[in-house]
N, C-alpha and C. Protein backbone atom coordinates (compact mmCIF):
# COMPACT_ATOMS: atom_id res chain seq x y z
N MET A 1 1.55 7.61 -10.74
CA MET A 1 1.05 8.75 -11.83
C MET A 1 1.82 8.97 -13.40
N VAL A 2 3.25 8.50 -13.72
CA VAL A 2 4.09 8.79 -14.42
C VAL A 2 3.36 7.73 -15.40
N ALA A 3 2.73 6.60 -14.68
CA ALA A 3 2.25 5.53 -16.23
C ALA A 3 0.55 6.18 -16.64
N GLY A 4 0.61 7.54 -16.29
CA GLY A 4 -0.79 8.52 -16.93
C GLY A 4 0.24 8.95 -17.67
N VAL A 5 1.28 8.92 -17.96
CA VAL A 5 1.45 10.09 -18.99
C VAL A 5 1.57 8.57 -20.12
N PHE A 6 2.18 7.85 -19.90
CA PHE A 6 2.23 7.17 -21.01
C PHE A 6 1.23 5.69 -21.63
N ARG A 7 0.17 6.07 -20.14
CA ARG A 7 -0.82 5.05 -20.51
C ARG A 7 -2.08 5.26 -20.91
N GLY A 8 -2.14 6.78 -20.04
CA GLY A 8 -3.51 7.24 -20.25
C GLY A 8 -3.63 7.07 -18.48
N PHE A 9 -4.81 7.96 -18.31
CA PHE A 9 -5.35 8.48 -17.05
C PHE A 9 -5.95 7.15 -16.43
N ASN A 10 -6.80 5.94 -16.90
CA ASN A 10 -7.42 5.12 -16.32
C ASN A 10 -6.10 3.92 -15.39
N THR A 11 -5.30 4.04 -16.33
CA THR A 11 -4.04 3.38 -15.51
C THR A 11 -3.65 3.82 -14.61
N SER A 12 -3.26 4.78 -14.21
CA SER A 12 -3.37 5.70 -13.44
C SER A 12 -3.74 5.46 -12.59
N LEU A 13 -5.21 5.87 -12.63
CA LEU A 13 -6.24 5.84 -11.72
C LEU A 13 -6.33 4.21 -10.99
N ASP A 14 -6.15 3.43 -12.21
CA ASP A 14 -6.06 1.89 -11.34
C ASP A 14 -4.56 1.73 -10.25
N MET A 15 -3.98 2.05 -10.75
CA MET A 15 -2.41 1.86 -9.80
C MET A 15 -2.42 2.90 -8.61
N LEU A 16 -3.31 3.95 -8.55
CA LEU A 16 -4.05 4.66 -7.40
C LEU A 16 -4.61 3.81 -6.83
N LEU A 17 -5.51 3.55 -7.06
CA LEU A 17 -6.69 2.45 -5.76
C LEU A 17 -6.11 1.39 -5.65
N GLY A 18 -5.24 0.82 -6.56
CA GLY A 18 -4.73 -0.42 -6.21
C GLY A 18 -3.71 -0.42 -4.52
N ALA A 19 -2.93 0.70 -5.08
CA ALA A 19 -2.04 1.17 -3.72
C ALA A 19 -2.43 1.61 -2.15
N ALA A 20 -3.98 2.27 -2.94
CA ALA A 20 -5.16 2.29 -1.52
C ALA A 20 -5.24 1.41 -0.52
N VAL A 21 -5.49 0.47 -1.64
CA VAL A 21 -5.86 -0.97 -1.50
C VAL A 21 -5.16 -1.51 -0.36
N VAL A 22 -4.05 -1.49 -0.62
CA VAL A 22 -3.12 -2.16 0.35
C VAL A 22 -2.45 -1.39 1.22
N LEU A 23 -2.39 0.45 1.25
CA LEU A 23 -1.57 0.68 1.77
C LEU A 23 -3.35 1.07 3.60
N LEU A 24 -4.45 1.70 2.58
CA LEU A 24 -5.54 2.04 3.78
C LEU A 24 -5.69 1.06 4.74
N PRO A 25 -4.99 -0.31 4.82
CA PRO A 25 -5.54 -0.95 5.80
C PRO A 25 -4.13 -1.73 6.87
N SER A 26 -3.09 -1.27 6.32
CA SER A 26 -2.04 -0.85 6.57
C SER A 26 -1.46 0.05 7.69
N VAL A 27 -2.17 1.25 7.19
CA VAL A 27 -2.33 2.47 7.90
C VAL A 27 -3.05 2.02 9.36
N TRP A 28 -4.08 1.55 9.07
CA TRP A 28 -5.09 1.19 10.41
C TRP A 28 -4.10 -0.12 10.91
N VAL A 29 -3.40 -0.64 11.15
CA VAL A 29 -3.08 -1.82 11.76
C VAL A 29 -1.78 -1.16 11.97
N ALA A 30 -0.91 -0.32 11.64
CA ALA A 30 0.02 0.75 12.02
C ALA A 30 -0.53 1.40 13.40
N THR A 31 -1.22 1.89 12.65
CA THR A 31 -2.04 3.40 14.21
C THR A 31 -2.23 2.14 15.45
N SER A 32 -2.95 1.33 15.03
CA SER A 32 -3.75 0.71 16.29
C SER A 32 -2.77 0.04 16.94
N LEU A 33 -1.78 -0.53 16.19
CA LEU A 33 -0.52 -1.36 16.90
C LEU A 33 0.25 -0.36 17.72
N THR A 34 0.23 0.98 17.32
CA THR A 34 1.10 1.68 17.99
C THR A 34 0.48 2.48 18.85
N SER A 35 -0.34 2.93 19.17
CA SER A 35 -1.74 3.79 19.67
C SER A 35 -1.76 3.42 21.03
N GLY A 36 -0.86 2.44 21.53
CA GLY A 36 -1.18 1.99 23.04
C GLY A 36 -2.22 1.50 23.48
N ARG A 37 -3.58 1.79 22.89
CA ARG A 37 -4.51 1.35 23.34
C ARG A 37 -5.36 0.18 22.89
N SER A 38 -4.56 -0.36 22.10
CA SER A 38 -4.95 -1.70 21.28
C SER A 38 -5.60 -2.93 22.03
N VAL A 39 -6.07 -3.74 21.81
CA VAL A 39 -6.82 -4.46 22.81
C VAL A 39 -7.06 -6.06 21.90
N ILE A 40 -6.58 -5.64 20.58
CA ILE A 40 -6.46 -6.43 19.46
C ILE A 40 -5.19 -6.95 19.23
N SER A 41 -4.98 -8.39 19.53
CA SER A 41 -3.96 -9.27 19.45
C SER A 41 -3.32 -9.16 17.94
N PRO A 42 -1.62 -8.31 17.84
CA PRO A 42 -1.39 -8.33 16.89
C PRO A 42 -1.50 -9.42 15.21
N ILE A 43 -1.76 -10.65 16.17
CA ILE A 43 -2.15 -11.74 15.03
C ILE A 43 -3.59 -11.75 14.32
N TRP A 44 -4.40 -10.75 15.30
CA TRP A 44 -5.94 -11.03 14.58
C TRP A 44 -5.73 -9.78 13.88
N LEU A 45 -5.32 -8.30 14.07
CA LEU A 45 -4.73 -7.57 13.45
C LEU A 45 -3.77 -7.71 12.23
N GLY A 46 -3.21 -8.55 12.22
CA GLY A 46 -2.59 -8.98 10.83
C GLY A 46 -3.77 -9.80 9.80
N LEU A 47 -4.07 -10.44 10.26
CA LEU A 47 -5.43 -11.36 9.79
C LEU A 47 -6.49 -9.94 9.09
N ALA A 48 -6.95 -9.11 10.24
CA ALA A 48 -7.88 -8.51 9.62
C ALA A 48 -7.32 -7.19 8.73
N ARG A 49 -5.85 -7.01 8.54
CA ARG A 49 -4.82 -6.17 7.36
C ARG A 49 -5.97 -7.25 6.18
N TYR A 50 -5.35 -8.15 5.76
CA TYR A 50 -4.84 -9.05 5.06
C TYR A 50 -6.38 -9.10 4.23
N SER A 51 -7.50 -9.55 5.59
CA SER A 51 -8.84 -9.55 5.15
C SER A 51 -9.23 -8.51 4.58
N LEU A 52 -9.27 -7.17 5.33
CA LEU A 52 -9.75 -5.94 4.31
C LEU A 52 -8.57 -5.57 3.44
N ALA A 53 -8.22 -6.14 2.88
CA ALA A 53 -6.80 -5.90 1.71
C ALA A 53 -7.72 -6.76 0.44
N ALA A 54 -8.18 -7.57 0.93
CA ALA A 54 -9.13 -8.74 0.04
C ALA A 54 -10.19 -7.98 -0.20
N ALA A 55 -11.07 -7.67 0.82
CA ALA A 55 -12.53 -6.79 0.56
C ALA A 55 -12.10 -5.80 -0.55
N GLY A 56 -11.08 -5.01 -0.15
CA GLY A 56 -11.03 -3.77 -0.79
C GLY A 56 -10.71 -4.24 -2.38
N PHE A 57 -10.09 -5.21 -2.37
CA PHE A 57 -10.16 -5.62 -4.18
C PHE A 57 -11.43 -6.26 -4.86
N ALA A 58 -12.08 -6.85 -4.00
CA ALA A 58 -13.47 -7.09 -4.35
C ALA A 58 -14.17 -6.11 -4.48
N VAL A 59 -14.29 -4.80 -3.61
CA VAL A 59 -15.00 -3.82 -4.05
C VAL A 59 -14.54 -2.71 -4.83
N LEU A 60 -13.10 -2.53 -5.17
CA LEU A 60 -12.58 -1.91 -6.46
C LEU A 60 -13.13 -2.78 -7.71
N PHE A 61 -13.12 -3.46 -7.02
CA PHE A 61 -13.19 -4.64 -9.20
C PHE A 61 -14.45 -4.99 -9.30
N VAL A 62 -15.79 -4.38 -8.15
CA VAL A 62 -17.37 -4.70 -8.11
C VAL A 62 -17.68 -3.09 -8.84
N LEU A 63 -16.92 -2.16 -8.27
CA LEU A 63 -17.58 -0.76 -8.88
C LEU A 63 -16.83 -0.19 -9.70
N ARG A 64 -15.31 -0.85 -10.55
CA ARG A 64 -15.04 -0.56 -11.46
C ARG A 64 -14.37 -1.96 -12.35
N PRO A 65 -15.88 -2.61 -12.84
CA PRO A 65 -15.25 -3.54 -13.37
C PRO A 65 -14.65 -3.14 -14.69
N ASP A 66 -14.13 -2.13 -15.46
CA ASP A 66 -13.23 -2.44 -16.31
C ASP A 66 -11.92 -1.87 -15.83
N SER A 67 -11.75 -2.11 -14.53
CA SER A 67 -9.94 -1.84 -14.32
C SER A 67 -9.44 -2.85 -15.02
N GLU A 68 -8.08 -2.45 -15.13
CA GLU A 68 -6.56 -3.18 -15.36
C GLU A 68 -6.36 -4.34 -14.44
N PRO A 69 -6.69 -5.48 -14.42
CA PRO A 69 -6.11 -5.68 -12.96
C PRO A 69 -4.37 -5.64 -12.88
N LEU A 70 -3.73 -6.04 -13.82
CA LEU A 70 -2.30 -5.51 -14.03
C LEU A 70 -1.99 -4.52 -13.41
N SER A 71 -2.81 -3.58 -13.80
CA SER A 71 -2.61 -1.97 -13.13
C SER A 71 -2.74 -1.52 -11.67
N VAL A 72 -3.75 -2.33 -11.43
CA VAL A 72 -4.24 -2.61 -9.59
C VAL A 72 -2.55 -3.41 -9.23
N LEU A 73 -2.85 -4.20 -9.72
CA LEU A 73 -1.55 -4.88 -9.12
C LEU A 73 -0.23 -4.34 -9.12
N ALA A 74 -0.07 -3.63 -10.46
CA ALA A 74 1.23 -2.79 -10.37
C ALA A 74 1.62 -2.16 -9.14
N GLY A 75 -0.01 -1.38 -8.89
CA GLY A 75 -0.15 -0.18 -7.70
C GLY A 75 0.17 -0.57 -6.77
N SER A 76 -0.80 -2.08 -6.28
CA SER A 76 -0.32 -2.27 -5.17
C SER A 76 1.32 -2.84 -4.49
N ALA A 77 1.86 -3.38 -5.66
CA ALA A 77 3.13 -3.83 -5.70
C ALA A 77 3.69 -2.62 -5.11
N LEU A 78 4.06 -1.41 -6.03
CA LEU A 78 4.70 -0.60 -5.57
C LEU A 78 4.36 0.26 -4.11
N ALA A 79 3.41 -0.06 -3.67
CA ALA A 79 2.61 0.21 -2.25
C ALA A 79 3.21 -0.39 -1.54
N LEU A 80 3.81 -1.38 -1.82
CA LEU A 80 4.45 -2.69 -0.31
C LEU A 80 6.07 -2.30 -0.76
N VAL A 81 6.79 -2.12 -1.90
CA VAL A 81 7.81 -2.09 -2.14
C VAL A 81 8.34 -0.91 -1.57
N LEU A 82 7.80 0.20 -2.06
CA LEU A 82 8.17 1.34 -2.04
C LEU A 82 8.88 1.75 -0.75
N PRO A 83 7.89 1.45 0.20
CA PRO A 83 8.43 2.50 1.59
C PRO A 83 9.31 2.23 2.50
N PRO A 84 9.16 0.67 2.28
CA PRO A 84 10.63 -0.15 3.19
C PRO A 84 11.78 0.40 1.94
N ALA A 85 11.76 1.00 0.85
CA ALA A 85 13.08 0.52 0.29
C ALA A 85 13.20 2.32 0.10
N VAL A 86 12.39 3.20 0.07
CA VAL A 86 12.84 4.46 0.65
C VAL A 86 13.57 4.85 2.45
N VAL A 87 12.66 4.23 3.17
CA VAL A 87 13.71 3.89 4.09
C VAL A 87 15.25 3.24 4.08
N VAL A 88 15.18 2.29 3.61
CA VAL A 88 16.47 1.48 3.66
C VAL A 88 17.76 3.09 3.03
N TRP A 89 16.52 3.57 2.07
CA TRP A 89 17.94 4.19 1.11
C TRP A 89 18.11 5.91 2.21
N HIS A 90 16.98 5.90 2.77
CA HIS A 90 17.08 7.26 3.73
C HIS A 90 18.40 6.63 4.78
N GLN A 91 18.00 5.59 5.69
CA GLN A 91 19.17 5.27 6.34
C GLN A 91 20.70 4.99 6.12
N ARG A 92 20.84 4.35 4.93
CA ARG A 92 22.14 4.48 3.90
C ARG A 92 22.67 5.46 3.69
N ARG A 93 21.86 6.59 3.23
CA ARG A 93 22.22 7.78 3.30
C ARG A 93 22.75 9.21 4.36
N HIS A 94 21.92 7.83 5.73
CA HIS A 94 22.30 9.04 6.60
C HIS A 94 23.52 8.57 7.29
N ASN A 95 23.64 7.21 7.38
CA ASN A 95 24.62 6.52 7.65
C ASN A 95 26.26 7.30 7.35
N THR A 96 25.90 7.07 5.53
CA THR A 96 27.35 7.72 4.99
C THR A 96 27.33 9.04 4.95
N MET A 97 26.79 10.10 5.14
CA MET A 97 26.73 11.56 5.61
C MET A 97 27.73 11.66 7.28
N HIS A 98 26.92 10.72 8.17
CA HIS A 98 27.98 11.49 9.38
C HIS A 98 28.14 9.58 10.02
N PRO A 99 29.44 9.10 9.55
CA PRO A 99 29.87 8.37 9.70
C PRO A 99 30.25 8.27 11.33
N GLN A 100 30.16 7.06 12.20
CA GLN A 100 30.44 7.07 13.43
C GLN A 100 31.80 6.46 13.68
């Protein structure tokens, strides 16, 4: 959303949609794997995740042909990098506050 301040609403929307294209299949796979009812092999779920993301990018660029590919890519990259970075930051913060 910070990009919207500097580059405009469309850039911010492109970044948000790029993040959604990556995160929605990832959330579906995580939910399927942790539900305990999954009958699909984790390998097939991983393949489905990447296939759904590829289809999501195709649909995004068909529905919004004026989207900036760099903004979409930046949003998807941030969606992949930020969650693990926040977890690592939280664990380090927690461990320094409560040393064992």
